[in-house]
Amino acid sequence: MRLKAIYAIFLLIMFSCSEPDLELDNDYDPKNPDFVAPMTTIQYVDDVISENEIEIFWDGNQVDMEFQTRLDNGDWSDWSNRKSETFSYLDEGIHDIFVKGKYTSGTVEDYPDTVSFEVDAISNNSLRIHPLRTVTTSEETFFIDIIAEDINENLAGAGITIKFSESLLSFAGDTLALGSFFSENDDNIIYFYSIEKTVGDIYFHLDIATIDDAKFFNGTGSIATLELKALSTNNDAVIQFIGETTTMRKANNNEININELVGGLIEIE
């Protein structure tokens, strides 16, 4: 009897000391019935911005989160706990920015938050390089466009000069292709270009005009596409217009006042 009593007491002690049922109270555990998935919210952005740079702010639904960002169809950034980012050298037109978050547990947001907006930073009757920012590597070829921006004064001809560093960039391939702004009327267009090297810089000059005095163009489009090659590493090359020798003209040969000449940046990695 004594042994039975001891055994009963032993069982009672074991039962009272057994672990309680596990409670899922970790907010970051997807198995928790009260689990809320990570969610990112981007703050309000104007539909149209008049600068080619924008700073985006966002927040997550938990304190300890990391985030990734993406501009348009580019690559996702590295994960970071920052809650803002500045996007620069934005080209004219519509852009989409995506932000997604993840918990420290590794759970990633299923659907990133996104904002769409339009960049309208360059005034009418202007010339610009497109894209404003190009990222490339040494010995790689790439293309840029010389863009006529929102022309409203019947453009019939242009003389355009750009320059860049001879040590950083060179021309490649066929050098120049006629852009869409004039190419629909090849039979009525005459153009020629020249390349000059001076004190470490390359100067490119393009003359283009309609043959028919009654022909002219309005709107926005590419005047010419240039094929270039990067020559250096870990450098930034600037493509800039030379205002003194860059002009736009009407069919009667009167000059069109150029409001802006916007160059481009080439980042050589």
Foldseek 3Di string as FASTA:
>chain_A
DVVVVVVVVVVVVVVVPDDDDDQPPDQQDPVHPPHDAKAKDKDDDDQEDQAQKDKIFIDIPDDAKWKWKDKAPDDIDDTDNDGMDMDGQHDFFKIKMWMWMHHPVGGTDPGTDMDMHGYDHFDAQAWEKPSQEAEEAAFDKDKIFTKHAFYDPFWFKKKWKKKKFPQFKDFDDPFKDAKPQCVVPVVFKDKDKDWDDDDRMIMIIMIMGGNDLVHTGGHMITGMMGMMGTHDAQDKMKMWIDVVGIWTAHSVRDTDDHPYTYIHIYGYD
